[in-house]
Amino acid sequence: MTALGSALAQDNPFGVLEFLHWDHSWNANKYHTRAELDKAADAVLHCGAGIVRVDFLWQDIEPSPGQYDFAKYDRIVDALSSRGIEILGILDYSSDWASACGKWNCPPRDFALFAAYAARVAGRYKGRVKYWEIWNEPDSAVYWQPQDRMKEYCRLLELSYKALKEADPGCKVLNGGLAKGLSSVNVLYDNGAAPYFDILNVHIFESPLSEGALSRIRAFPRLVRKVMARNGDQDKKIWRTETGCPGAADRSVKGWWLGRNPDEKEQAEWLVSVYAELTTAEGVEKVFWAFLRDCNRHWKNGTDYLGLLRWDFSEKPAFGAYSRASREWKENNGR
């Protein structure tokens, strides 16, 4: 990647979340071939996204103690970086052998083991992956059990932050994207985590079919910035690493967690509204649409249809809407 290409990618507020690491039976082997991975990377490039959020699963990378396998992630990093696309790598969840309860969504029995894995990954991709996120939605019982108001998570964040900075002093560290809104932002600061993330990472979803949804989208960054300022952290940027809604052409699909599924046209219209609000919101540096591509009956509800692309890689109206929005942003900002 050229220095100019790198600078433009870092400045671009348009991001996407995609499960490029999914090649397991439990996710229908979403990216089983290099051709599928290349199709996804080309789609990211063509829609104008500058950065992709993707997991670097501990279980994949260190399936047994001290035994590392980076082949899959080398391919992912190559596919994206060769196209000038930045990467936000999520370091998550517990490897089977290290989990405190034997499950992926329990914290590791020894946090030093996780910090060592994080440092090993960051060291391998130093100079190619600048941004690292520690865990995903640690304030949700789906992804962290048992819930304890993030007390243990913040201890893991501190150890991992220090390990990452030692492995790559130039990297930037994000807290795990917060799912529970403003209350979780407050808890993060109450637990003393401010020194251990460089960028504040939040998730928030609204249904475009819900009254007042756009007003809540507009208000959330302002409220977050007030919490940051109260904690002396007002100079940090905010990344919203998950936002989106389904675009389901089939009305028979079970609704997502916010109710009835928007159709593909409603999804595209919502995307335009969300990016118009958030790319101009003070303090918000990047906004990631979830997802790039639909899933194949993974959730068995509308969540499978959050993608800009259908499962067969055909473009939804939202893909065109995203492309136009990113192009307009570049034109308006002299890119």
Protein backbone atom coordinates (compact mmCIF):
# COMPACT_ATOMS: atom_id res chain seq x y z
CA MET A 1 0.00 0.00 0.00
CA THR A 2 1.33 3.45 -0.88
CA ALA A 3 1.74 6.11 1.81
CA LEU A 4 -1.07 8.10 0.13
CA GLY A 5 -3.35 5.05 0.03
CA SER A 6 -2.68 4.37 3.70
CA ALA A 7 -3.42 7.97 4.67
CA LEU A 8 -6.69 8.00 2.73
CA ALA A 9 -7.81 4.69 4.28
CA GLN A 10 -7.07 5.97 7.78
CA ASP A 11 -8.99 9.19 7.14
CA ASN A 12 -12.00 7.47 5.57
CA PRO A 13 -14.88 7.19 8.11
CA PHE A 14 -16.61 4.36 6.23
CA GLY A 15 -16.02 0.89 7.66
CA VAL A 16 -17.68 -2.53 7.55
CA LEU A 17 -17.82 -5.54 9.84
CA GLU A 18 -17.38 -8.86 8.09
CA PHE A 19 -16.71 -12.40 9.33
CA LEU A 20 -13.85 -13.10 6.95
CA HIS A 21 -12.47 -15.65 9.43
CA TRP A 22 -15.61 -17.82 9.23
CA ASP A 23 -14.61 -21.19 7.82
CA HIS A 24 -16.20 -23.51 10.37
CA SER A 25 -19.18 -25.86 10.28
CA TRP A 26 -21.11 -23.65 12.72
CA ASN A 27 -21.09 -20.72 10.28
CA ALA A 28 -21.73 -22.62 7.03
CA ASN A 29 -18.05 -22.16 6.06
CA LYS A 30 -18.81 -18.64 4.88
CA TYR A 31 -15.29 -18.04 3.54
CA HIS A 32 -14.04 -21.50 2.66
CA THR A 33 -12.11 -20.55 -0.47
CA ARG A 34 -9.62 -17.86 -1.42
CA ALA A 35 -11.96 -16.89 -4.26
CA GLU A 36 -14.71 -16.06 -1.74
CA LEU A 37 -12.28 -14.03 0.34
CA ASP A 38 -11.13 -12.12 -2.72
CA LYS A 39 -14.74 -11.42 -3.74
CA ALA A 40 -15.40 -9.93 -0.33
CA ALA A 41 -12.22 -7.84 -0.38
CA ASP A 42 -13.06 -6.55 -3.87
CA ALA A 43 -16.56 -5.63 -2.65
CA VAL A 44 -15.08 -3.66 0.26
CA LEU A 45 -12.87 -1.79 -2.18
CA HIS A 46 -15.70 -1.11 -4.63
CA CYS A 47 -18.16 0.19 -2.04
CA GLY A 48 -15.57 2.67 -0.76
CA ALA A 49 -14.99 1.35 2.76
CA GLY A 50 -11.57 2.19 4.14
CA ILE A 51 -11.42 -0.34 6.97
CA VAL A 52 -12.76 -3.80 7.84
CA ARG A 53 -13.45 -5.07 11.35
CA VAL A 54 -12.64 -8.77 11.57
CA ASP A 55 -12.01 -11.25 14.40
CA PHE A 56 -8.61 -12.83 15.00
CA LEU A 57 -9.95 -15.76 17.02
CA TRP A 58 -7.68 -17.08 19.74
CA GLN A 59 -9.06 -20.59 19.19
CA ASP A 60 -8.02 -20.50 15.51
CA ILE A 61 -4.61 -19.01 16.17
CA GLU A 62 -3.56 -20.97 19.27
CA PRO A 63 -5.74 -24.11 19.35
CA SER A 64 -3.44 -25.70 21.92
CA PRO A 65 -0.89 -24.10 24.26
CA GLY A 66 2.07 -22.69 22.36
CA GLN A 67 0.93 -24.09 19.00
CA TYR A 68 0.25 -21.21 16.60
CA ASP A 69 -1.39 -21.29 13.18
CA PHE A 70 -1.55 -17.98 11.29
CA ALA A 71 -2.25 -19.31 7.79
CA LYS A 72 -5.90 -18.19 7.65
CA TYR A 73 -5.16 -14.74 9.04
CA ASP A 74 -2.15 -14.24 6.80
CA ARG A 75 -4.53 -14.70 3.84
CA ILE A 76 -7.05 -12.25 5.28
CA VAL A 77 -4.42 -9.60 6.01
CA ASP A 78 -2.90 -10.07 2.55
CA ALA A 79 -6.28 -9.80 0.81
CA LEU A 80 -7.16 -6.53 2.54
CA SER A 81 -3.80 -4.78 2.83
CA SER A 82 -2.91 -5.51 -0.80
CA ARG A 83 -6.01 -3.49 -1.75
CA GLY A 84 -5.14 -0.58 0.53
CA ILE A 85 -7.82 -1.46 3.07
CA GLU A 86 -7.13 -0.92 6.77
CA ILE A 87 -7.95 -3.58 9.39
CA LEU A 88 -9.46 -3.40 12.85
CA GLY A 89 -8.56 -6.75 14.38
CA ILE A 90 -10.72 -8.06 17.22
CA LEU A 91 -8.71 -10.17 19.65
CA ASP A 92 -11.25 -12.58 21.08
CA TYR A 93 -12.65 -15.04 22.63
CA SER A 94 -11.29 -17.73 24.96
CA SER A 95 -9.52 -20.67 23.38
CA ASP A 96 -11.00 -23.96 24.61
CA TRP A 97 -7.93 -24.94 26.58
CA ALA A 98 -7.67 -21.54 28.31
CA SER A 99 -11.31 -20.79 29.18
CA ALA A 100 -12.23 -20.48 32.85
CA CYS A 101 -15.41 -22.50 32.22
CA GLY A 102 -14.56 -24.41 29.05
CA LYS A 103 -16.67 -22.15 26.84
CA TRP A 104 -15.63 -19.54 24.30
CA ASN A 105 -17.56 -16.72 26.00
CA CYS A 106 -16.02 -17.12 29.45
CA PRO A 107 -12.89 -15.14 30.31
CA PRO A 108 -9.57 -16.98 30.29
CA ARG A 109 -8.53 -18.67 33.52
CA ASP A 110 -5.25 -16.75 33.36
CA PHE A 111 -5.37 -13.30 31.78
CA ALA A 112 -1.63 -13.43 31.09
CA LEU A 113 -2.32 -16.19 28.54
CA PHE A 114 -4.67 -13.91 26.61
CA ALA A 115 -2.22 -11.00 26.78
CA ALA A 116 0.53 -13.25 25.39
CA TYR A 117 -1.68 -14.31 22.46
CA ALA A 118 -2.60 -10.67 21.80
CA ALA A 119 1.06 -9.64 21.76
CA ARG A 120 1.97 -12.53 19.48
CA VAL A 121 -0.69 -11.51 16.95
CA ALA A 122 0.21 -7.82 17.08
CA GLY A 123 3.88 -8.61 16.67
CA ARG A 124 3.25 -10.74 13.62
CA TYR A 125 1.21 -8.05 11.86
CA LYS A 126 3.16 -5.03 13.03
CA GLY A 127 3.22 -2.44 10.25
CA ARG A 128 0.18 -4.04 8.56
CA VAL A 129 -2.52 -3.94 11.24
CA LYS A 130 -2.57 -0.76 13.27
CA TYR A 131 -5.84 -1.10 15.20
CA TRP A 132 -6.70 -3.77 17.76
CA GLU A 133 -9.92 -4.27 19.72
CA ILE A 134 -9.88 -6.26 22.96
CA TRP A 135 -12.84 -8.67 22.99
CA ASN A 136 -16.32 -7.89 21.66
CA GLU A 137 -19.30 -6.64 23.69
CA PRO A 138 -17.94 -7.55 27.13
CA ASP A 139 -21.03 -5.92 28.64
CA SER A 140 -23.28 -8.56 27.04
CA ALA A 141 -23.94 -11.99 28.58
CA VAL A 142 -23.85 -13.43 25.07
CA TYR A 143 -20.13 -12.68 24.82
CA TRP A 144 -18.87 -12.53 28.43
CA GLN A 145 -20.03 -14.76 31.27
CA PRO A 146 -20.62 -14.20 34.09
CA GLN A 147 -21.45 -10.50 33.90
CA ASP A 148 -19.86 -8.42 36.69
CA ARG A 149 -20.20 -4.84 35.39
CA MET A 150 -17.01 -5.36 33.39
CA LYS A 151 -14.70 -5.49 36.41
CA GLU A 152 -12.82 -8.53 35.19
CA TYR A 153 -12.95 -7.34 31.61
CA CYS A 154 -11.25 -4.07 32.52
CA ARG A 155 -8.45 -6.03 34.17
CA LEU A 156 -8.05 -8.02 30.95
CA LEU A 157 -8.10 -4.77 28.96
CA GLU A 158 -5.29 -3.30 31.07
CA LEU A 159 -3.02 -6.34 30.71
CA SER A 160 -3.71 -6.67 27.00
CA TYR A 161 -3.19 -2.96 26.32
CA LYS A 162 0.25 -3.10 27.95
CA ALA A 163 1.18 -6.25 26.03
CA LEU A 164 0.06 -4.78 22.71
CA LYS A 165 1.99 -1.56 23.25
CA GLU A 166 5.11 -3.53 24.07
CA ALA A 167 4.72 -5.65 20.94
CA ASP A 168 3.90 -2.67 18.70
CA PRO A 169 4.25 0.77 20.31
CA GLY A 170 2.61 2.41 17.29
CA CYS A 171 -0.62 0.43 17.42
CA LYS A 172 -3.95 1.85 18.57
CA VAL A 173 -6.10 -0.07 21.04
CA LEU A 174 -9.89 -0.01 21.31
CA ASN A 175 -12.00 -1.31 24.14
CA GLY A 176 -14.39 -4.11 23.17
CA GLY A 177 -17.41 -2.56 21.45
CA LEU A 178 -20.03 -1.76 24.09
CA ALA A 179 -23.55 -3.08 23.46
CA LYS A 180 -25.53 -1.56 26.34
CA GLY A 181 -25.37 2.12 25.50
CA LEU A 182 -24.47 5.01 27.77
CA SER A 183 -24.62 2.98 30.99
CA SER A 184 -21.75 0.80 29.79
CA VAL A 185 -19.67 3.82 28.81
CA ASN A 186 -20.06 5.09 32.37
CA VAL A 187 -19.14 1.70 33.82
CA LEU A 188 -16.00 1.52 31.67
CA TYR A 189 -14.80 4.82 33.13
CA ASP A 190 -15.95 3.97 36.66
CA ASN A 191 -13.73 0.88 36.48
CA GLY A 192 -10.68 3.04 35.76
CA ALA A 193 -10.19 1.82 32.18
CA ALA A 194 -9.49 5.21 30.58
CA PRO A 195 -5.69 4.77 30.37
CA TYR A 196 -6.09 1.43 28.55
CA PHE A 197 -7.80 2.35 25.30
CA ASP A 198 -6.86 4.93 22.66
CA ILE A 199 -10.25 5.10 20.92
CA LEU A 200 -13.67 4.67 22.55
CA ASN A 201 -15.63 1.88 20.88
CA VAL A 202 -19.44 1.69 21.01
CA HIS A 203 -22.23 -0.24 19.28
CA ILE A 204 -25.76 0.99 18.87
CA PHE A 205 -28.57 -0.28 16.69
CA GLU A 206 -31.95 1.30 16.02
CA SER A 207 -34.77 0.05 13.86
CA PRO A 208 -35.73 2.46 11.08
CA LEU A 209 -39.29 1.28 11.68
CA SER A 210 -39.25 2.69 15.22
CA GLU A 211 -40.47 6.22 15.90
CA GLY A 212 -37.67 8.55 16.96
CA ALA A 213 -34.88 6.21 15.82
CA LEU A 214 -32.95 8.87 13.92
CA SER A 215 -33.17 11.30 16.84
CA ARG A 216 -31.62 8.66 19.09
CA ILE A 217 -28.87 8.02 16.52
CA ARG A 218 -28.17 11.76 16.49
CA ALA A 219 -28.17 12.16 20.28
CA PHE A 220 -26.00 9.21 21.26
CA PRO A 221 -22.58 10.62 20.26
CA ARG A 222 -23.30 13.87 22.11
CA LEU A 223 -24.18 11.97 25.28
CA VAL A 224 -21.08 9.79 24.99
CA ARG A 225 -18.88 12.84 24.59
CA LYS A 226 -20.32 14.31 27.78
CA VAL A 227 -19.27 11.20 29.71
CA MET A 228 -15.82 11.36 28.13
CA ALA A 229 -15.42 15.04 29.01
CA ARG A 230 -16.51 14.41 32.58
CA ASN A 231 -13.68 11.88 32.82
CA GLY A 232 -11.07 14.12 31.17
CA ASP A 233 -11.08 11.98 28.04
CA GLN A 234 -12.60 14.45 25.59
CA ASP A 235 -9.66 14.36 23.19
CA LYS A 236 -10.21 10.72 22.24
CA LYS A 237 -12.17 9.79 19.14
CA ILE A 238 -15.28 7.61 19.05
CA TRP A 239 -15.60 4.64 16.70
CA ARG A 240 -19.01 3.08 16.20
CA THR A 241 -17.89 -0.36 15.12
CA GLU A 242 -21.35 -1.86 14.69
CA THR A 243 -24.51 -0.28 13.35
CA GLY A 244 -27.04 -1.45 10.79
CA CYS A 245 -30.36 -3.13 10.19
CA PRO A 246 -31.64 -6.05 8.14
CA GLY A 247 -32.67 -5.82 4.52
CA ALA A 248 -34.86 -8.89 4.11
CA ALA A 249 -36.69 -9.40 0.83
CA ASP A 250 -38.61 -12.36 2.26
CA ARG A 251 -41.34 -11.15 4.62
CA SER A 252 -41.62 -14.63 6.15
CA VAL A 253 -38.17 -14.36 7.80
CA LYS A 254 -38.42 -14.14 11.59
CA GLY A 255 -37.80 -10.61 12.90
CA TRP A 256 -34.49 -9.43 14.32
CA TRP A 257 -33.98 -8.38 17.95
CA LEU A 258 -35.60 -4.98 17.35
CA GLY A 259 -38.79 -6.31 15.81
CA ARG A 260 -40.04 -6.56 12.24
CA ASN A 261 -37.41 -6.74 9.55
CA PRO A 262 -36.99 -3.75 7.26
CA ASP A 263 -37.02 -4.72 3.60
CA GLU A 264 -34.11 -4.08 1.26
CA LYS A 265 -35.34 -0.64 0.22
CA GLU A 266 -35.87 0.42 3.85
CA GLN A 267 -32.40 -0.84 4.74
CA ALA A 268 -30.82 1.30 2.01
CA GLU A 269 -32.74 4.39 3.08
CA TRP A 270 -31.73 3.87 6.71
CA LEU A 271 -28.07 3.49 5.77
CA VAL A 272 -28.11 6.86 4.01
CA SER A 273 -29.65 8.52 7.07
CA VAL A 274 -27.26 6.89 9.55
CA TYR A 275 -24.11 7.83 7.64
CA ALA A 276 -25.35 11.37 6.99
CA GLU A 277 -25.74 11.82 10.75
CA LEU A 278 -22.69 10.01 12.06
CA THR A 279 -20.03 11.08 9.58
CA THR A 280 -20.74 14.68 10.59
CA ALA A 281 -21.14 14.07 14.34
CA GLU A 282 -18.49 15.73 16.50
CA GLY A 283 -15.92 13.28 17.78
CA VAL A 284 -17.08 10.31 15.66
CA GLU A 285 -14.18 9.19 13.49
CA LYS A 286 -15.39 5.92 11.95
CA VAL A 287 -18.70 4.12 11.45
CA PHE A 288 -18.84 0.39 10.61
CA TRP A 289 -21.88 -1.14 8.93
CA ALA A 290 -22.73 -4.65 10.10
CA PHE A 291 -22.36 -6.64 7.86
CA LEU A 292 -20.77 -6.67 4.42
CA ARG A 293 -22.51 -9.92 3.39
CA ASP A 294 -25.59 -11.78 4.57
CA CYS A 295 -25.21 -15.01 6.52
CA ASN A 296 -26.65 -18.42 5.70
CA ARG A 297 -29.26 -19.14 8.40
CA HIS A 298 -26.71 -18.62 11.16
CA TRP A 299 -29.10 -16.70 13.46
CA LYS A 300 -32.24 -18.00 11.73
CA ASN A 301 -33.85 -14.56 11.89
CA GLY A 302 -33.50 -11.11 10.37
CA THR A 303 -29.96 -10.75 11.72
CA ASP A 304 -28.83 -12.97 8.84
CA TYR A 305 -29.87 -10.17 6.45
CA LEU A 306 -27.83 -7.26 7.83
CA GLY A 307 -25.46 -7.45 4.86
CA LEU A 308 -24.91 -5.02 2.01
CA LEU A 309 -24.55 -8.10 -0.18
CA ARG A 310 -26.75 -11.19 -0.33
CA TRP A 311 -25.27 -14.60 0.47
CA ASP A 312 -24.60 -15.16 -3.25
CA PHE A 313 -22.60 -11.88 -3.37
CA SER A 314 -25.26 -10.06 -5.41
CA GLU A 315 -25.67 -6.42 -4.45
CA LYS A 316 -28.59 -5.16 -2.39
CA PRO A 317 -29.81 -1.58 -2.77
CA ALA A 318 -27.85 -0.86 0.44
CA PHE A 319 -24.58 -1.64 -1.34
CA GLY A 320 -25.29 1.06 -3.90
CA ALA A 321 -26.40 3.46 -1.17
CA TYR A 322 -23.19 2.84 0.78
CA SER A 323 -21.07 3.33 -2.34
CA ARG A 324 -22.75 6.64 -3.18
CA ALA A 325 -22.47 7.89 0.40
CA SER A 326 -18.76 7.07 0.61
CA ARG A 327 -18.12 8.64 -2.80
CA GLU A 328 -19.97 11.81 -1.82
CA TRP A 329 -17.99 12.03 1.41
CA LYS A 330 -14.72 11.78 -0.52
CA GLU A 331 -15.83 14.42 -3.02
CA ASN A 332 -16.97 16.79 -0.26
CA ASN A 333 -13.70 16.34 1.60
CA GLY A 334 -11.41 16.70 -1.40
CA ARG A 335 -10.36 13.05 -1.54
